[in-house]
Amino acid sequence: MRKVILNLLLTILLVSTFSCETSKEVQVEKEPYKFDWDAATVYFLLTDRFNNGDTSNDLNFERTTETGLLRNFMGGDIKGITAKINEGYFDKLGIEAIWFSPVFEQIHGFVDEGTGATYGYHGYWIKDWTNLDPNFGTMDDLKEMVDAAHGRGIRILLDVVLNHTGPVTPLDPVWPESWVRTSPTCTYQDFETTANCTLVKNLPDIKTESIDNVELPQSLIEKWKSEGRYEKEMAELDEFFKTTGYSKAPRFYIMKWLTDYIRQFGIDGFRVDTAKHLREDAWSELSILAKQVFKEWKSNNPESVLDESEFFMLAEVYGYGISGKRNYNFGDRKVDYFDNGFKSLINFEFVYDAEKDYDFVFHKYDSLLNQPEMKKVTVMNYISSHDDGNPFDGARQKTIESANKLLLTSGMAQIYYGDESARSLEISGTEGDATLRSFMNWEDLSNTETGKVFDHWSKLGKFRKIHKSIANGEHQTITSDPYVFSRSFNKDKVVIGLELKDGKKIISVGEVFENGSVLIDSYSNTETVVKDGMAEIDSPFNTVLLAYK
């Protein structure tokens, strides 16, 4: 009898000890937050369509001609962006960088390309690289916006154009032949018919291949004189060419003007428009110059430096897809833009990949971005944009799935303004890409259903920002139905469950987190302790975002 009692007591003691051990909380050193362009979430907006912060600048240069639907200036400006920065709007989405459409002075007139009269509201029809268009704001407005963003740890990507001037109108004369070609129009059969041609009719192409010294356009000289800044601009140009030793070729003038915005404001990076329409060595030259100027700005403004990151260059190589890895194929030659100044390329393939299931998308991008040749570069994925007529979920019927696939896939993520608020991409009566460019639907955010969509994007965005393993880490599928997966990168580990059932959820996490680990589900803000390799979450949501507390 005594032996039975002793065995019973020993069993109780062992069970008690085991229970204590399995419930004992494990202290874990977490990976501290550190900004990383490779993992950045970027918010892309059309300046004119985002937020009107100053109604006094809505009309300039008598731009009053009736236009095609959504082809006029609508009032959005730099002050409007600043207002949303200061409100904390971008913080709510976990945004780490803002890319806004070009704000340089646009042509004063309009053109009709078969879609109705159109003004340069989009910012890609530049008249003067050295000045901002008053519809967008002033240099002081831009400084205030950059400073406000930097004050919240948000980087700024300036959208730049080196390939072409704005179209020719009765108010906007063509630049001299020494600067531009006006024909032939690109046919995209090979490199030559893509690079040394005009994108469309009446969009003069800068002769970026030229090394010949050229004089400034007389119209630009007269403009500067009328604005009282001719002497200043000329003195700066003389100093630039003397210091750099560059020839006075068209591309070097424009590179000087573009890098002035880094020198003056501390711009963190360029999003480069129409990159494949120039010889790639021009981008290497711009990258070298931009990095040098950014380094100088940091040295001159030590109190404003966010970190030690180099100047960042993102390319729009239209049609590039991640399956091409480092190369874009022109047919007759392949070009590695990553080896010519760019850290990242916009990935036009993602909108098609997003049609596949989660497991396909996540494994594909994990596999490709972790191949040796892609280790030091990345791509930026998107589900909609200003000029892609084939967005994923153009009808905005899969807004939650859109967020899941975009924000939880390896690489950079680009949120196009209104993705998070289900802004319509199908506007009746529009022609061409105008349907993608309606004004931001701020009023819808007060609606219950839109609020739920925004809340989902917000939770995923903030979780992604903190946990770099989502963009950089190794992907492992834990269960297929329901879909649960993990990502691990250095000390950062997460387990994510998608399309789960409401209520109590038992998630298998033993391959990632040891027993006793205290986890937090950032989606429901619920704490749990790992027991027997499982984490239990009781919440009314069907998404779980687990990481160390």
Protein backbone atom coordinates (compact mmCIF):
# COMPACT_ATOMS: atom_id res chain seq x y z
CA MET A 1 0.00 0.00 0.00
CA ARG A 2 2.83 2.38 0.93
CA LYS A 3 4.46 1.66 -2.44
CA VAL A 4 1.23 2.53 -4.30
CA ILE A 5 0.91 5.78 -2.40
CA LEU A 6 4.56 6.67 -3.10
CA ASN A 7 4.11 5.97 -6.83
CA LEU A 8 0.96 8.08 -6.86
CA LEU A 9 2.73 10.97 -5.13
CA LEU A 10 5.65 10.68 -7.58
CA THR A 11 3.26 10.76 -10.55
CA ILE A 12 1.49 13.85 -9.17
CA LEU A 13 4.86 15.52 -8.64
CA LEU A 14 6.02 14.74 -12.18
CA VAL A 15 2.76 15.98 -13.72
CA SER A 16 2.92 19.11 -11.60
CA THR A 17 6.53 19.71 -12.62
CA PHE A 18 5.70 19.17 -16.30
CA SER A 19 2.74 21.53 -16.10
CA CYS A 20 4.92 24.19 -14.53
CA GLU A 21 7.54 23.72 -17.18
CA THR A 22 5.11 23.89 -20.08
CA SER A 23 3.33 26.95 -18.70
CA LYS A 24 6.52 28.74 -17.74
CA GLU A 25 6.87 31.89 -19.81
CA VAL A 26 9.90 31.98 -22.09
CA GLN A 27 11.69 35.30 -22.41
CA VAL A 28 12.76 36.04 -25.98
CA GLU A 29 15.00 38.75 -27.39
CA LYS A 30 13.07 40.36 -30.24
CA GLU A 31 14.52 41.87 -33.39
CA PRO A 32 14.46 45.69 -33.06
CA TYR A 33 12.78 47.74 -35.79
CA LYS A 34 15.13 48.91 -38.49
CA PHE A 35 14.13 50.53 -41.76
CA ASP A 36 14.98 48.46 -44.83
CA TRP A 37 14.17 49.48 -48.40
CA ASP A 38 13.99 45.78 -49.36
CA ALA A 39 11.03 45.35 -47.03
CA ALA A 40 9.45 48.79 -47.33
CA THR A 41 5.76 49.48 -47.71
CA VAL A 42 5.37 52.39 -50.13
CA TYR A 43 2.25 54.50 -50.58
CA PHE A 44 1.86 55.80 -54.14
CA LEU A 45 -0.49 58.71 -54.78
CA LEU A 46 -1.33 61.11 -57.58
CA THR A 47 -0.66 64.51 -56.04
CA ASP A 48 -3.61 66.13 -57.81
CA ARG A 49 -6.03 63.39 -56.75
CA PHE A 50 -5.17 62.75 -53.12
CA ASN A 51 -6.08 65.68 -50.89
CA ASN A 52 -6.71 69.39 -51.45
CA GLY A 53 -4.82 71.24 -48.73
CA ASP A 54 -4.89 74.69 -50.35
CA THR A 55 -7.87 75.73 -52.50
CA SER A 56 -6.18 79.02 -53.42
CA ASN A 57 -3.86 77.24 -55.89
CA ASP A 58 -6.52 75.24 -57.73
CA LEU A 59 -6.45 77.34 -60.93
CA ASN A 60 -3.30 78.59 -62.69
CA PHE A 61 -2.27 79.57 -66.23
CA GLU A 62 -5.95 79.88 -67.23
CA ARG A 63 -6.36 76.12 -67.47
CA THR A 64 -10.10 76.44 -67.92
CA THR A 65 -10.78 74.47 -71.13
CA GLU A 66 -13.37 71.74 -70.65
CA THR A 67 -11.59 68.41 -70.58
CA GLY A 68 -12.44 64.76 -70.83
CA LEU A 69 -13.76 63.25 -67.61
CA LEU A 70 -11.03 63.15 -64.91
CA ARG A 71 -8.53 64.83 -67.25
CA ASN A 72 -8.39 68.23 -65.58
CA PHE A 73 -6.69 69.50 -62.43
CA MET A 74 -8.86 68.64 -59.41
CA GLY A 75 -7.09 70.47 -56.57
CA GLY A 76 -4.90 67.92 -54.83
CA ASP A 77 -1.58 69.38 -53.74
CA ILE A 78 1.53 69.03 -51.61
CA LYS A 79 -0.13 70.69 -48.63
CA GLY A 80 -2.81 68.03 -48.82
CA ILE A 81 -0.19 65.30 -48.49
CA THR A 82 1.40 67.11 -45.55
CA ALA A 83 -1.96 67.38 -43.81
CA LYS A 84 -2.44 63.62 -44.01
CA ILE A 85 1.11 63.01 -42.79
CA ASN A 86 0.45 65.20 -39.76
CA GLU A 87 -2.90 63.49 -39.12
CA GLY A 88 -1.04 60.19 -38.86
CA TYR A 89 -2.91 58.67 -41.80
CA PHE A 90 0.18 56.97 -43.23
CA ASP A 91 1.23 55.75 -39.77
CA LYS A 92 -2.08 53.91 -39.49
CA LEU A 93 -1.16 51.91 -42.60
CA GLY A 94 2.44 51.19 -41.58
CA ILE A 95 3.73 53.27 -44.49
CA GLU A 96 7.50 53.69 -44.59
CA ALA A 97 7.85 55.74 -47.78
CA ILE A 98 5.60 58.01 -49.84
CA TRP A 99 5.90 58.12 -53.62
CA PHE A 100 3.92 60.98 -55.12
CA SER A 101 3.48 61.79 -58.81
CA PRO A 102 5.78 64.49 -60.27
CA VAL A 103 5.24 68.04 -59.06
CA PHE A 104 7.50 69.89 -61.53
CA GLU A 105 5.92 72.69 -63.55
CA GLN A 106 3.70 71.21 -66.25
CA ILE A 107 2.88 72.46 -69.73
CA HIS A 108 0.43 75.35 -69.54
CA GLY A 109 -1.76 74.17 -72.38
CA PHE A 110 -3.69 70.98 -73.03
CA VAL A 111 -3.61 68.19 -75.61
CA ASP A 112 -6.16 65.72 -76.94
CA GLU A 113 -4.77 62.26 -77.63
CA GLY A 114 -8.16 60.89 -78.59
CA THR A 115 -9.48 60.74 -75.02
CA GLY A 116 -10.62 64.35 -74.70
CA ALA A 117 -8.71 67.50 -73.79
CA THR A 118 -6.14 66.71 -71.09
CA TYR A 119 -4.02 68.91 -68.85
CA GLY A 120 -0.82 67.75 -67.13
CA TYR A 121 -2.57 66.97 -63.82
CA HIS A 122 -0.63 63.68 -63.59
CA GLY A 123 2.73 65.46 -63.52
CA TYR A 124 4.51 63.67 -66.38
CA TRP A 125 4.37 66.55 -68.91
CA ILE A 126 7.22 68.71 -67.68
CA LYS A 127 7.85 72.25 -68.90
CA ASP A 128 10.46 73.31 -66.32
CA TRP A 129 12.40 70.88 -64.09
CA THR A 130 13.66 73.76 -61.91
CA ASN A 131 10.25 74.88 -60.71
CA LEU A 132 7.14 73.37 -59.13
CA ASP A 133 3.75 73.70 -60.76
CA PRO A 134 1.69 76.18 -58.69
CA ASN A 135 -1.27 73.79 -58.86
CA PHE A 136 0.81 71.40 -56.73
CA GLY A 137 2.41 74.00 -54.47
CA THR A 138 5.63 75.83 -53.73
CA MET A 139 9.18 74.93 -52.75
CA ASP A 140 8.30 75.88 -49.17
CA ASP A 141 5.36 73.46 -49.32
CA LEU A 142 7.67 70.69 -50.49
CA LYS A 143 10.17 71.37 -47.72
CA GLU A 144 7.38 71.30 -45.14
CA MET A 145 6.11 68.00 -46.51
CA VAL A 146 9.52 66.31 -46.54
CA ASP A 147 10.29 67.56 -43.03
CA ALA A 148 6.90 66.35 -41.75
CA ALA A 149 7.46 62.90 -43.26
CA HIS A 150 10.99 62.64 -41.92
CA GLY A 151 9.71 63.67 -38.50
CA ARG A 152 7.63 60.48 -38.50
CA GLY A 153 10.37 58.27 -39.95
CA ILE A 154 8.74 58.21 -43.40
CA ARG A 155 10.98 58.42 -46.47
CA ILE A 156 10.15 60.44 -49.59
CA LEU A 157 10.40 59.13 -53.16
CA LEU A 158 10.41 61.87 -55.80
CA ASP A 159 8.91 60.75 -59.11
CA VAL A 160 11.35 61.91 -61.82
CA VAL A 161 11.27 62.07 -65.61
CA LEU A 162 14.43 62.15 -67.74
CA ASN A 163 13.04 60.68 -70.94
CA HIS A 164 10.81 63.40 -72.35
CA THR A 165 9.48 66.93 -72.09
CA GLY A 166 5.79 67.75 -72.05
CA PRO A 167 3.80 67.80 -75.31
CA VAL A 168 3.89 70.77 -77.64
CA THR A 169 0.93 73.17 -77.47
CA PRO A 170 0.33 76.77 -78.61
CA LEU A 171 1.47 77.78 -75.10
CA ASP A 172 4.38 75.33 -74.90
CA PRO A 173 6.92 75.46 -77.75
CA VAL A 174 8.99 72.45 -78.72
CA TRP A 175 12.52 72.30 -77.29
CA PRO A 176 15.41 72.74 -79.80
CA GLU A 177 16.52 69.89 -82.09
CA SER A 178 19.76 69.70 -80.14
CA TRP A 179 17.68 68.65 -77.12
CA VAL A 180 14.83 66.50 -78.44
CA ARG A 181 13.64 64.29 -81.26
CA THR A 182 10.01 64.44 -82.32
CA SER A 183 10.04 61.25 -84.39
CA PRO A 184 9.90 58.35 -84.99
CA THR A 185 7.30 56.97 -82.59
CA CYS A 186 8.42 53.88 -80.67
CA THR A 187 7.41 50.50 -82.11
CA TYR A 188 9.03 48.38 -79.35
CA GLN A 189 10.47 45.79 -81.75
CA ASP A 190 13.92 45.92 -80.17
CA PHE A 191 16.13 48.16 -78.04
CA GLU A 192 16.61 50.84 -80.70
CA THR A 193 12.86 51.19 -81.40
CA THR A 194 12.23 51.47 -77.67
CA ALA A 195 14.97 53.87 -76.58
CA ASN A 196 15.60 56.31 -79.44
CA CYS A 197 12.05 57.32 -80.28
CA THR A 198 9.02 59.12 -78.86
CA LEU A 199 6.69 57.20 -76.56
CA VAL A 200 3.68 58.61 -78.36
CA LYS A 201 3.15 61.23 -81.01
CA ASN A 202 3.81 64.78 -79.75
CA LEU A 203 5.84 63.77 -76.71
CA PRO A 204 9.33 65.07 -77.54
CA ASP A 205 12.06 62.60 -76.57
CA ILE A 206 15.16 63.96 -74.80
CA LYS A 207 18.35 63.01 -76.66
CA THR A 208 19.78 61.36 -73.58
CA GLU A 209 22.30 59.45 -75.67
CA SER A 210 24.01 62.67 -76.82
CA ILE A 211 27.29 63.90 -75.33
CA ASP A 212 27.33 67.13 -77.33
CA ASN A 213 27.31 70.50 -75.59
CA VAL A 214 24.00 72.27 -76.09
CA GLU A 215 22.66 75.70 -75.21
CA LEU A 216 19.58 76.14 -73.07
CA PRO A 217 16.26 76.53 -74.89
CA GLN A 218 15.55 80.20 -75.51
CA SER A 219 12.04 79.78 -74.17
CA LEU A 220 13.44 78.53 -70.85
CA ILE A 221 15.90 81.43 -70.67
CA GLU A 222 13.10 83.92 -71.28
CA LYS A 223 10.95 82.20 -68.67
CA TRP A 224 13.69 82.39 -66.03
CA LYS A 225 14.32 86.05 -66.85
CA SER A 226 10.64 86.90 -66.48
CA GLU A 227 10.64 85.15 -63.10
CA GLY A 228 13.76 87.00 -61.95
CA ARG A 229 15.97 83.95 -61.47
CA TYR A 230 18.02 83.71 -64.66
CA GLU A 231 21.33 84.78 -63.08
CA LYS A 232 20.89 82.36 -60.17
CA GLU A 233 20.08 79.38 -62.39
CA MET A 234 22.97 80.12 -64.77
CA ALA A 235 25.47 80.52 -61.95
CA GLU A 236 24.43 77.18 -60.49
CA LEU A 237 24.75 75.48 -63.88
CA ASP A 238 28.21 76.94 -64.43
CA GLU A 239 29.33 75.68 -61.01
CA PHE A 240 27.79 72.24 -61.62
CA PHE A 241 29.54 71.66 -64.94
CA LYS A 242 32.81 73.02 -63.60
CA THR A 243 32.69 70.75 -60.54
CA THR A 244 31.54 67.55 -62.26
CA GLY A 245 33.40 67.89 -65.54
CA TYR A 246 30.29 66.69 -67.42
CA SER A 247 29.66 67.93 -70.93
CA LYS A 248 26.72 70.28 -71.30
CA ALA A 249 24.65 67.49 -72.81
CA PRO A 250 20.87 67.39 -72.32
CA ARG A 251 20.85 64.56 -69.79
CA PHE A 252 23.39 66.26 -67.52
CA TYR A 253 21.39 69.47 -67.35
CA ILE A 254 18.36 67.49 -66.22
CA MET A 255 20.40 65.40 -63.77
CA LYS A 256 21.60 68.63 -62.19
CA TRP A 257 18.04 69.88 -61.86
CA LEU A 258 16.79 66.60 -60.40
CA THR A 259 19.53 66.24 -57.82
CA ASP A 260 18.94 69.83 -56.68
CA TYR A 261 15.84 68.49 -54.88
CA ILE A 262 18.05 66.10 -52.91
CA ARG A 263 20.53 68.88 -52.14
CA GLN A 264 17.80 71.25 -50.98
CA PHE A 265 15.31 68.99 -49.22
CA GLY A 266 16.98 65.67 -48.44
CA ILE A 267 14.80 63.60 -50.78
CA ASP A 268 15.47 59.93 -49.96
CA GLY A 269 15.00 58.33 -53.35
CA PHE A 270 13.82 58.58 -56.95
CA ARG A 271 11.09 56.61 -58.60
CA VAL A 272 12.25 56.78 -62.21
CA ASP A 273 9.68 57.02 -64.98
CA THR A 274 10.02 55.20 -68.34
CA ALA A 275 13.43 53.75 -67.48
CA LYS A 276 13.67 51.39 -70.47
CA HIS A 277 13.43 54.30 -72.91
CA LEU A 278 16.98 55.46 -72.15
CA ARG A 279 20.36 53.82 -72.46
CA GLU A 280 21.01 52.16 -69.13
CA ASP A 281 24.30 53.97 -68.52
CA ALA A 282 22.35 57.21 -68.01
CA TRP A 283 20.78 55.67 -64.92
CA SER A 284 24.18 54.64 -63.59
CA GLU A 285 25.29 58.25 -63.97
CA LEU A 286 22.19 59.58 -62.21
CA SER A 287 22.58 57.05 -59.39
CA ILE A 288 26.22 57.96 -58.77
CA LEU A 289 25.42 61.68 -58.74
CA ALA A 290 22.32 61.26 -56.55
CA LYS A 291 24.16 59.14 -53.98
CA GLN A 292 26.95 61.70 -53.81
CA VAL A 293 24.54 64.62 -53.32
CA PHE A 294 22.54 62.67 -50.70
CA LYS A 295 25.73 61.94 -48.80
CA GLU A 296 26.60 65.64 -48.90
CA TRP A 297 23.12 66.58 -47.68
CA LYS A 298 23.50 64.21 -44.75
CA SER A 299 26.86 65.72 -43.89
CA ASN A 300 25.38 69.23 -43.99
CA ASN A 301 22.22 68.28 -42.07
CA PRO A 302 23.29 65.76 -39.39
CA GLU A 303 20.30 66.57 -37.18
CA SER A 304 17.90 65.49 -39.96
CA VAL A 305 19.53 62.19 -40.92
CA LEU A 306 17.20 59.22 -40.43
CA ASP A 307 19.76 56.43 -40.85
CA GLU A 308 22.75 55.35 -42.92
CA SER A 309 20.75 54.17 -45.94
CA GLU A 310 22.08 55.11 -49.36
CA PHE A 311 20.01 57.08 -51.83
CA PHE A 312 17.38 54.72 -53.24
CA MET A 313 16.53 54.23 -56.92
CA LEU A 314 13.34 52.48 -58.08
CA ALA A 315 12.72 51.91 -61.80
CA GLU A 316 9.59 51.67 -63.87
CA VAL A 317 10.74 49.31 -66.61
CA TYR A 318 7.33 48.86 -68.13
CA GLY A 319 6.56 45.17 -68.61
CA TYR A 320 9.34 43.87 -66.35
CA GLY A 321 8.35 40.81 -64.34
CA ILE A 322 10.13 39.05 -61.50
CA SER A 323 10.42 35.85 -63.52
CA GLY A 324 13.02 37.65 -65.63
CA LYS A 325 15.07 37.98 -62.44
CA ARG A 326 17.75 40.61 -63.10
CA ASN A 327 17.07 41.07 -66.81
CA TYR A 328 14.59 42.81 -69.07
CA ASN A 329 14.50 41.33 -72.57
CA PHE A 330 14.16 43.76 -75.50
CA GLY A 331 14.27 40.91 -77.99
CA ASP A 332 17.66 41.75 -79.43
CA ARG A 333 19.38 42.30 -76.07
CA LYS A 334 18.87 41.90 -72.36
CA VAL A 335 19.52 44.68 -69.86
CA ASP A 336 20.26 44.29 -66.15
CA TYR A 337 18.87 47.51 -64.68
CA PHE A 338 19.87 46.39 -61.19
CA ASP A 339 23.46 46.65 -62.37
CA ASN A 340 22.82 50.18 -63.63
CA GLY A 341 21.88 52.17 -60.56
CA PHE A 342 18.63 50.58 -59.39
CA LYS A 343 17.98 48.77 -56.13
CA SER A 344 14.42 47.78 -57.07
CA LEU A 345 12.17 47.45 -60.11
CA ILE A 346 8.39 47.68 -60.22
CA ASN A 347 7.08 44.16 -60.77
CA PHE A 348 4.35 44.17 -63.42
CA GLU A 349 3.92 40.41 -63.04
CA PHE A 350 2.34 40.52 -59.60
CA VAL A 351 -1.17 41.48 -60.75
CA TYR A 352 -1.27 38.21 -62.70
CA ASP A 353 0.32 36.12 -59.96
CA ALA A 354 -2.26 37.43 -57.50
CA GLU A 355 -4.90 35.44 -59.38
CA LYS A 356 -3.30 32.27 -57.99
CA ASP A 357 -3.75 30.94 -54.45
CA TYR A 358 -1.78 32.11 -51.42
CA ASP A 359 0.58 29.16 -51.38
CA PHE A 360 1.59 29.65 -55.00
CA VAL A 361 2.23 33.38 -54.59
CA PHE A 362 4.12 33.18 -51.31
CA HIS A 363 6.34 30.28 -52.34
CA LYS A 364 7.10 31.78 -55.75
CA TYR A 365 8.33 35.10 -54.37
CA ASP A 366 10.19 33.50 -51.48
CA SER A 367 11.97 31.24 -53.96
CA LEU A 368 12.86 33.92 -56.53
CA LEU A 369 13.97 36.66 -54.15
CA ASN A 370 16.18 34.25 -52.21
CA GLN A 371 18.10 33.09 -55.25
CA PRO A 372 21.78 34.21 -55.15
CA GLU A 373 21.53 36.73 -58.00
CA MET A 374 18.55 38.49 -56.33
CA LYS A 375 19.91 38.61 -52.78
CA LYS A 376 21.06 42.24 -52.90
CA VAL A 377 18.12 43.62 -54.89
CA THR A 378 14.35 43.42 -54.73
CA VAL A 379 11.11 44.16 -56.59
CA MET A 380 8.08 46.25 -55.72
CA ASN A 381 4.72 44.52 -56.05
CA TYR A 382 1.34 46.18 -56.58
CA ILE A 383 -2.29 45.24 -57.20
CA SER A 384 -3.33 48.49 -58.90
CA SER A 385 -1.63 51.59 -60.25
CA HIS A 386 -2.16 54.75 -62.28
CA ASP A 387 -1.41 53.22 -65.67
CA ASP A 388 -2.03 49.48 -65.48
CA GLY A 389 -5.37 48.83 -67.10
CA ASN A 390 -5.44 45.27 -65.77
CA PRO A 391 -5.42 45.66 -61.97
CA PHE A 392 -6.04 42.75 -59.66
CA ASP A 393 -9.64 43.13 -58.44
CA GLY A 394 -10.51 46.11 -60.60
CA ALA A 395 -14.11 45.82 -59.38
CA ARG A 396 -12.97 46.01 -55.73
CA GLN A 397 -14.72 42.76 -54.84
CA LYS A 398 -11.69 41.11 -53.21
CA THR A 399 -10.29 43.89 -51.03
CA ILE A 400 -9.29 41.63 -48.12
CA GLU A 401 -7.63 39.09 -50.39
CA SER A 402 -5.84 41.96 -52.13
CA ALA A 403 -4.36 43.15 -48.85
CA ASN A 404 -3.35 39.64 -47.84
CA LYS A 405 -1.51 38.93 -51.08
CA LEU A 406 0.12 42.34 -51.47
CA LEU A 407 1.21 42.97 -47.89
CA LEU A 408 2.22 39.41 -47.01
CA THR A 409 4.31 38.62 -50.09
CA SER A 410 8.11 38.86 -50.06
CA GLY A 411 9.61 42.05 -51.48
CA MET A 412 8.49 45.66 -51.39
CA ALA A 413 4.78 46.50 -51.42
CA GLN A 414 3.17 49.47 -53.16
CA ILE A 415 -0.22 50.58 -51.92
CA TYR A 416 -1.87 52.72 -54.60
CA TYR A 417 -4.02 55.43 -53.06
CA GLY A 418 -7.48 54.02 -52.46
CA ASP A 419 -6.48 50.34 -52.34
CA GLU A 420 -7.10 50.61 -48.61
CA SER A 421 -10.50 52.31 -49.05
CA ALA A 422 -11.81 50.39 -52.08
CA ARG A 423 -11.71 53.55 -54.22
CA SER A 424 -13.46 52.74 -57.47
CA LEU A 425 -11.29 51.92 -60.49
CA GLU A 426 -14.26 51.76 -62.85
CA ILE A 427 -15.57 55.28 -63.45
CA SER A 428 -18.35 55.49 -66.02
CA GLY A 429 -17.69 57.94 -68.84
CA THR A 430 -13.92 57.97 -68.59
CA GLU A 431 -11.54 57.17 -71.43
CA GLY A 432 -8.30 55.22 -71.00
CA ASP A 433 -6.27 55.41 -67.79
CA ALA A 434 -8.41 58.22 -66.34
CA THR A 435 -10.66 55.56 -64.82
CA LEU A 436 -7.81 54.60 -62.49
CA ARG A 437 -7.34 58.18 -61.27
CA SER A 438 -10.48 59.39 -59.48
CA PHE A 439 -10.15 61.63 -56.44
CA MET A 440 -9.44 59.86 -53.16
CA ASN A 441 -12.71 58.69 -51.58
CA TRP A 442 -12.16 60.13 -48.10
CA GLU A 443 -15.89 60.28 -47.42
CA ASP A 444 -16.22 56.48 -47.73
CA LEU A 445 -13.94 55.85 -44.76
CA SER A 446 -16.79 56.74 -42.43
CA ASN A 447 -18.87 53.89 -43.87
CA THR A 448 -18.93 50.72 -41.82
CA GLU A 449 -17.93 48.36 -44.64
CA THR A 450 -15.18 50.59 -45.97
CA GLY A 451 -13.99 51.07 -42.41
CA LYS A 452 -13.59 47.31 -42.07
CA VAL A 453 -11.55 47.19 -45.25
CA PHE A 454 -9.30 50.01 -44.05
CA ASP A 455 -8.92 48.36 -40.65
CA HIS A 456 -7.70 45.15 -42.29
CA TRP A 457 -5.15 47.00 -44.44
CA SER A 458 -4.09 48.95 -41.36
CA LYS A 459 -3.49 45.89 -39.21
CA LEU A 460 -1.54 44.04 -41.88
CA GLY A 461 0.45 47.15 -42.81
CA LYS A 462 1.54 47.91 -39.26
CA PHE A 463 2.42 44.26 -38.63
CA ARG A 464 4.44 44.13 -41.85
CA LYS A 465 6.33 47.29 -40.90
CA ILE A 466 7.46 45.88 -37.56
CA HIS A 467 8.23 42.38 -38.80
CA LYS A 468 10.79 42.41 -41.61
CA SER A 469 10.55 38.64 -41.80
CA ILE A 470 7.36 39.10 -43.85
CA ALA A 471 9.23 40.71 -46.74
CA ASN A 472 12.69 39.21 -46.20
CA GLY A 473 12.17 35.93 -44.38
CA GLU A 474 11.99 32.28 -45.30
CA HIS A 475 8.45 31.10 -46.03
CA GLN A 476 7.13 27.83 -44.63
CA THR A 477 3.59 26.50 -45.04
CA ILE A 478 2.33 25.03 -41.76
CA THR A 479 -1.17 23.93 -42.78
CA SER A 480 -2.95 24.27 -46.12
CA ASP A 481 -6.54 24.24 -44.89
CA PRO A 482 -6.90 26.56 -43.10
CA TYR A 483 -3.92 28.40 -44.55
CA VAL A 484 -1.29 29.00 -41.88
CA PHE A 485 2.36 29.86 -42.59
CA SER A 486 5.49 31.16 -40.95
CA ARG A 487 8.27 33.57 -41.90
CA SER A 488 11.66 33.77 -40.19
CA PHE A 489 14.41 36.33 -40.65
CA ASN A 490 17.25 36.67 -38.15
CA LYS A 491 15.55 36.84 -34.73
CA ASP A 492 12.19 37.87 -36.15
CA LYS A 493 9.58 35.11 -36.47
CA VAL A 494 5.88 35.28 -37.28
CA VAL A 495 3.03 32.86 -37.81
CA ILE A 496 0.07 34.07 -39.86
CA GLY A 497 -3.31 32.46 -40.40
CA LEU A 498 -5.67 33.54 -43.18
CA GLU A 499 -9.35 32.88 -43.80
CA LEU A 500 -9.79 31.09 -40.48
CA LYS A 501 -13.08 30.57 -38.68
CA ASP A 502 -14.46 33.19 -36.33
CA GLY A 503 -14.26 32.38 -32.62
CA LYS A 504 -11.78 30.01 -31.01
CA LYS A 505 -8.82 29.06 -33.18
CA ILE A 506 -6.08 26.55 -32.38
CA ILE A 507 -2.97 27.36 -34.40
CA SER A 508 -0.03 25.00 -34.81
CA VAL A 509 3.11 27.02 -34.00
CA GLY A 510 5.46 24.42 -32.53
CA GLU A 511 7.83 24.53 -35.50
CA VAL A 512 8.41 28.23 -34.86
CA PHE A 513 7.79 29.07 -31.20
CA GLU A 514 8.79 26.89 -28.25
CA ASN A 515 6.40 25.93 -25.46
CA GLY A 516 5.97 28.72 -22.95
CA SER A 517 6.52 31.48 -25.51
CA VAL A 518 4.25 34.45 -24.90
CA LEU A 519 2.74 35.57 -28.19
CA ILE A 520 0.52 38.44 -29.19
CA ASP A 521 -2.01 38.26 -32.00
CA SER A 522 -1.71 41.74 -33.44
CA TYR A 523 -4.95 41.38 -35.34
CA SER A 524 -7.13 40.97 -32.25
CA ASN A 525 -4.61 42.30 -29.71
CA THR A 526 -4.95 39.01 -27.84
CA GLU A 527 -2.19 37.41 -25.78
CA THR A 528 -1.56 33.68 -25.69
CA VAL A 529 1.07 31.24 -24.39
CA VAL A 530 2.29 28.36 -26.53
CA LYS A 531 1.34 24.98 -25.02
CA ASP A 532 2.01 21.60 -26.60
CA GLY A 533 3.09 23.41 -29.77
CA MET A 534 -0.25 25.16 -30.13
CA ALA A 535 -1.50 28.73 -29.71
CA GLU A 536 -5.13 29.36 -28.88
CA ILE A 537 -6.81 32.59 -30.02
CA ASP A 538 -10.44 33.40 -29.37
CA SER A 539 -11.45 36.34 -31.53
CA PRO A 540 -14.27 37.36 -33.89
CA PHE A 541 -11.78 37.68 -36.78
CA ASN A 542 -10.60 35.20 -39.40
CA THR A 543 -7.02 36.50 -39.53
CA VAL A 544 -4.28 35.83 -36.98
CA LEU A 545 -0.93 37.67 -36.84
CA LEU A 546 1.28 35.99 -34.25
CA ALA A 547 4.70 37.09 -33.01
CA TYR A 548 6.62 37.29 -29.76
CA LYS A 549 5.09 39.73 -27.33
